[in-house]
Amino acid sequence: MMDDNKQLAQRIDGAIQSASQEVTNLRSELSATSRRLAELGAHDSGSMLETLQHNHNGRTAARRVE
């Protein structure tokens, strides 16, 4: 019984460590994405250029969204 509890505790501890590492990775990815969005926002002077491509009639339309 004691060994079962010890094994369960080790499995739980491993799962917690894995989840913690995943959270760390996701935070890092989110931070990098936020930096990239900030760079794009600064580059675009606060507005976004949305490009809509339509294959219909072979035309490409673009509009500025502010």
N, C-alpha and C. Protein backbone atom coordinates (compact mmCIF):
# COMPACT_ATOMS: atom_id res chain seq x y z
N MET A 1 0.81 -1.19 0.00
CA MET A 1 0.00 0.00 0.00
C MET A 1 0.87 1.27 0.00
N MET A 2 1.90 1.26 0.81
CA MET A 2 2.81 2.39 0.89
C MET A 2 3.52 2.60 -0.44
N ASP A 3 3.94 1.51 -1.09
CA ASP A 3 4.60 1.61 -2.39
C ASP A 3 3.65 2.15 -3.46
N ASP A 4 2.39 1.73 -3.40
CA ASP A 4 1.39 2.23 -4.36
C ASP A 4 1.24 3.74 -4.23
N ASN A 5 1.16 4.21 -2.99
CA ASN A 5 1.03 5.65 -2.77
C ASN A 5 2.26 6.41 -3.25
N LYS A 6 3.43 5.81 -3.03
CA LYS A 6 4.68 6.44 -3.46
C LYS A 6 4.73 6.52 -4.99
N GLN A 7 4.34 5.45 -5.67
CA GLN A 7 4.33 5.45 -7.13
C GLN A 7 3.32 6.47 -7.67
N LEU A 8 2.16 6.52 -7.03
CA LEU A 8 1.14 7.49 -7.45
C LEU A 8 1.66 8.91 -7.26
N ALA A 9 2.29 9.16 -6.15
CA ALA A 9 2.84 10.49 -5.88
C ALA A 9 3.90 10.86 -6.91
N GLN A 10 4.74 9.90 -7.30
CA GLN A 10 5.77 10.15 -8.30
C GLN A 10 5.15 10.46 -9.67
N ARG A 11 4.08 9.71 -10.01
CA ARG A 11 3.40 9.96 -11.28
C ARG A 11 2.75 11.35 -11.29
N ILE A 12 2.12 11.70 -10.16
CA ILE A 12 1.49 13.02 -10.05
C ILE A 12 2.55 14.11 -10.14
N ASP A 13 3.66 13.91 -9.45
CA ASP A 13 4.75 14.89 -9.48
C ASP A 13 5.28 15.05 -10.90
N GLY A 14 5.44 13.96 -11.61
CA GLY A 14 5.91 14.02 -13.00
C GLY A 14 4.92 14.76 -13.88
N ALA A 15 3.64 14.50 -13.69
CA ALA A 15 2.61 15.18 -14.48
C ALA A 15 2.61 16.68 -14.19
N ILE A 16 2.80 17.04 -12.93
CA ILE A 16 2.85 18.46 -12.55
C ILE A 16 4.06 19.13 -13.19
N GLN A 17 5.20 18.45 -13.15
CA GLN A 17 6.40 19.02 -13.76
C GLN A 17 6.24 19.18 -15.27
N SER A 18 5.61 18.21 -15.92
CA SER A 18 5.36 18.30 -17.36
C SER A 18 4.43 19.47 -17.68
N ALA A 19 3.38 19.59 -16.88
CA ALA A 19 2.42 20.68 -17.09
C ALA A 19 3.09 22.03 -16.86
N SER A 20 3.93 22.11 -15.85
CA SER A 20 4.65 23.35 -15.57
C SER A 20 5.57 23.73 -16.72
N GLN A 21 6.25 22.76 -17.29
CA GLN A 21 7.13 23.03 -18.43
C GLN A 21 6.32 23.49 -19.64
N GLU A 22 5.17 22.88 -19.85
CA GLU A 22 4.30 23.28 -20.96
C GLU A 22 3.81 24.71 -20.77
N VAL A 23 3.45 25.07 -19.54
CA VAL A 23 3.03 26.45 -19.25
C VAL A 23 4.17 27.42 -19.55
N THR A 24 5.37 27.07 -19.14
CA THR A 24 6.54 27.90 -19.41
C THR A 24 6.74 28.08 -20.91
N ASN A 25 6.62 26.99 -21.66
CA ASN A 25 6.77 27.07 -23.11
C ASN A 25 5.70 27.94 -23.75
N LEU A 26 4.46 27.78 -23.29
CA LEU A 26 3.35 28.58 -23.84
C LEU A 26 3.52 30.06 -23.50
N ARG A 27 3.99 30.35 -22.29
CA ARG A 27 4.23 31.76 -21.93
C ARG A 27 5.31 32.37 -22.81
N SER A 28 6.34 31.61 -23.08
CA SER A 28 7.41 32.09 -23.94
C SER A 28 6.90 32.35 -25.36
N GLU A 29 6.11 31.42 -25.85
CA GLU A 29 5.52 31.58 -27.19
C GLU A 29 4.59 32.79 -27.24
N LEU A 30 3.79 32.98 -26.21
CA LEU A 30 2.88 34.12 -26.15
C LEU A 30 3.66 35.43 -26.09
N SER A 31 4.73 35.44 -25.34
CA SER A 31 5.56 36.63 -25.24
C SER A 31 6.18 36.98 -26.59
N ALA A 32 6.68 35.97 -27.29
CA ALA A 32 7.27 36.20 -28.61
C ALA A 32 6.21 36.70 -29.59
N THR A 33 5.02 36.15 -29.51
CA THR A 33 3.93 36.59 -30.39
C THR A 33 3.54 38.03 -30.08
N SER A 34 3.47 38.37 -28.81
CA SER A 34 3.14 39.74 -28.41
C SER A 34 4.18 40.73 -28.91
N ARG A 35 5.46 40.35 -28.80
CA ARG A 35 6.52 41.22 -29.30
C ARG A 35 6.39 41.42 -30.81
N ARG A 36 6.12 40.34 -31.51
CA ARG A 36 5.98 40.42 -32.96
C ARG A 36 4.79 41.30 -33.36
N LEU A 37 3.67 41.16 -32.65
CA LEU A 37 2.51 42.01 -32.93
C LEU A 37 2.82 43.47 -32.65
N ALA A 38 3.56 43.73 -31.57
CA ALA A 38 3.95 45.11 -31.26
C ALA A 38 4.85 45.67 -32.36
N GLU A 39 5.77 44.86 -32.86
CA GLU A 39 6.63 45.30 -33.96
C GLU A 39 5.81 45.62 -35.20
N LEU A 40 4.88 44.76 -35.52
CA LEU A 40 4.04 44.97 -36.69
C LEU A 40 3.18 46.21 -36.52
N GLY A 41 2.66 46.40 -35.32
CA GLY A 41 1.84 47.58 -35.04
C GLY A 41 2.64 48.86 -35.16
N ALA A 42 3.87 48.86 -34.66
CA ALA A 42 4.73 50.03 -34.75
C ALA A 42 5.12 50.29 -36.20
N HIS A 43 5.36 49.23 -36.92
CA HIS A 43 5.76 49.35 -38.33
C HIS A 43 4.62 49.91 -39.16
N ASP A 44 3.41 49.59 -38.79
CA ASP A 44 2.24 49.98 -39.58
C ASP A 44 1.61 51.27 -39.06
N SER A 45 2.27 51.99 -38.17
CA SER A 45 1.80 53.27 -37.63
C SER A 45 0.41 53.19 -37.01
N GLY A 46 0.10 52.10 -36.34
CA GLY A 46 -1.14 52.00 -35.61
C GLY A 46 -2.33 51.53 -36.42
N SER A 47 -2.18 51.27 -37.68
CA SER A 47 -3.30 50.74 -38.46
C SER A 47 -2.86 49.46 -39.14
N MET A 48 -3.82 48.68 -39.54
CA MET A 48 -3.51 47.41 -40.19
C MET A 48 -4.00 47.45 -41.63
N LEU A 49 -3.19 46.91 -42.50
CA LEU A 49 -3.59 46.78 -43.89
C LEU A 49 -4.11 45.38 -44.10
N GLU A 50 -5.38 45.28 -44.44
CA GLU A 50 -5.98 43.97 -44.65
C GLU A 50 -6.10 43.75 -46.15
N THR A 51 -5.46 42.69 -46.63
CA THR A 51 -5.51 42.39 -48.05
C THR A 51 -6.45 41.23 -48.29
N LEU A 52 -7.40 41.46 -49.14
CA LEU A 52 -8.36 40.43 -49.49
C LEU A 52 -8.10 40.03 -50.94
N GLN A 53 -7.82 38.78 -51.13
CA GLN A 53 -7.58 38.32 -52.48
C GLN A 53 -8.79 37.55 -52.97
N HIS A 54 -9.20 37.89 -54.16
CA HIS A 54 -10.35 37.22 -54.76
C HIS A 54 -9.90 36.64 -56.10
N ASN A 55 -10.14 35.40 -56.28
CA ASN A 55 -9.82 34.78 -57.56
C ASN A 55 -10.90 35.09 -58.60
N HIS A 56 -12.03 35.53 -58.10
CA HIS A 56 -13.12 35.88 -59.01
C HIS A 56 -12.70 37.08 -59.87
N ASN A 57 -12.69 36.94 -61.13
CA ASN A 57 -12.28 37.95 -62.09
C ASN A 57 -10.80 38.30 -62.00
N GLY A 58 -10.06 37.53 -61.24
CA GLY A 58 -8.61 37.74 -61.14
C GLY A 58 -8.21 39.04 -60.49
N ARG A 59 -9.07 39.60 -59.63
CA ARG A 59 -8.77 40.87 -59.00
C ARG A 59 -8.29 40.68 -57.57
N THR A 60 -7.47 41.62 -57.13
CA THR A 60 -7.04 41.67 -55.73
C THR A 60 -7.52 42.99 -55.17
N ALA A 61 -8.17 42.94 -54.05
CA ALA A 61 -8.67 44.16 -53.40
C ALA A 61 -7.97 44.32 -52.07
N ALA A 62 -7.67 45.56 -51.72
CA ALA A 62 -7.05 45.85 -50.42
C ALA A 62 -7.82 46.98 -49.78
N ARG A 63 -7.95 46.91 -48.47
CA ARG A 63 -8.59 48.01 -47.76
C ARG A 63 -7.85 48.24 -46.46
N ARG A 64 -7.82 49.47 -46.03
CA ARG A 64 -7.15 49.83 -44.78
C ARG A 64 -8.18 49.83 -43.67
N VAL A 65 -7.83 49.15 -42.58
CA VAL A 65 -8.70 49.08 -41.42
C VAL A 65 -8.04 49.86 -40.31
N GLU A 66 -8.75 50.85 -39.76
CA GLU A 66 -8.16 51.67 -38.69
C GLU A 66 -8.98 51.62 -37.45
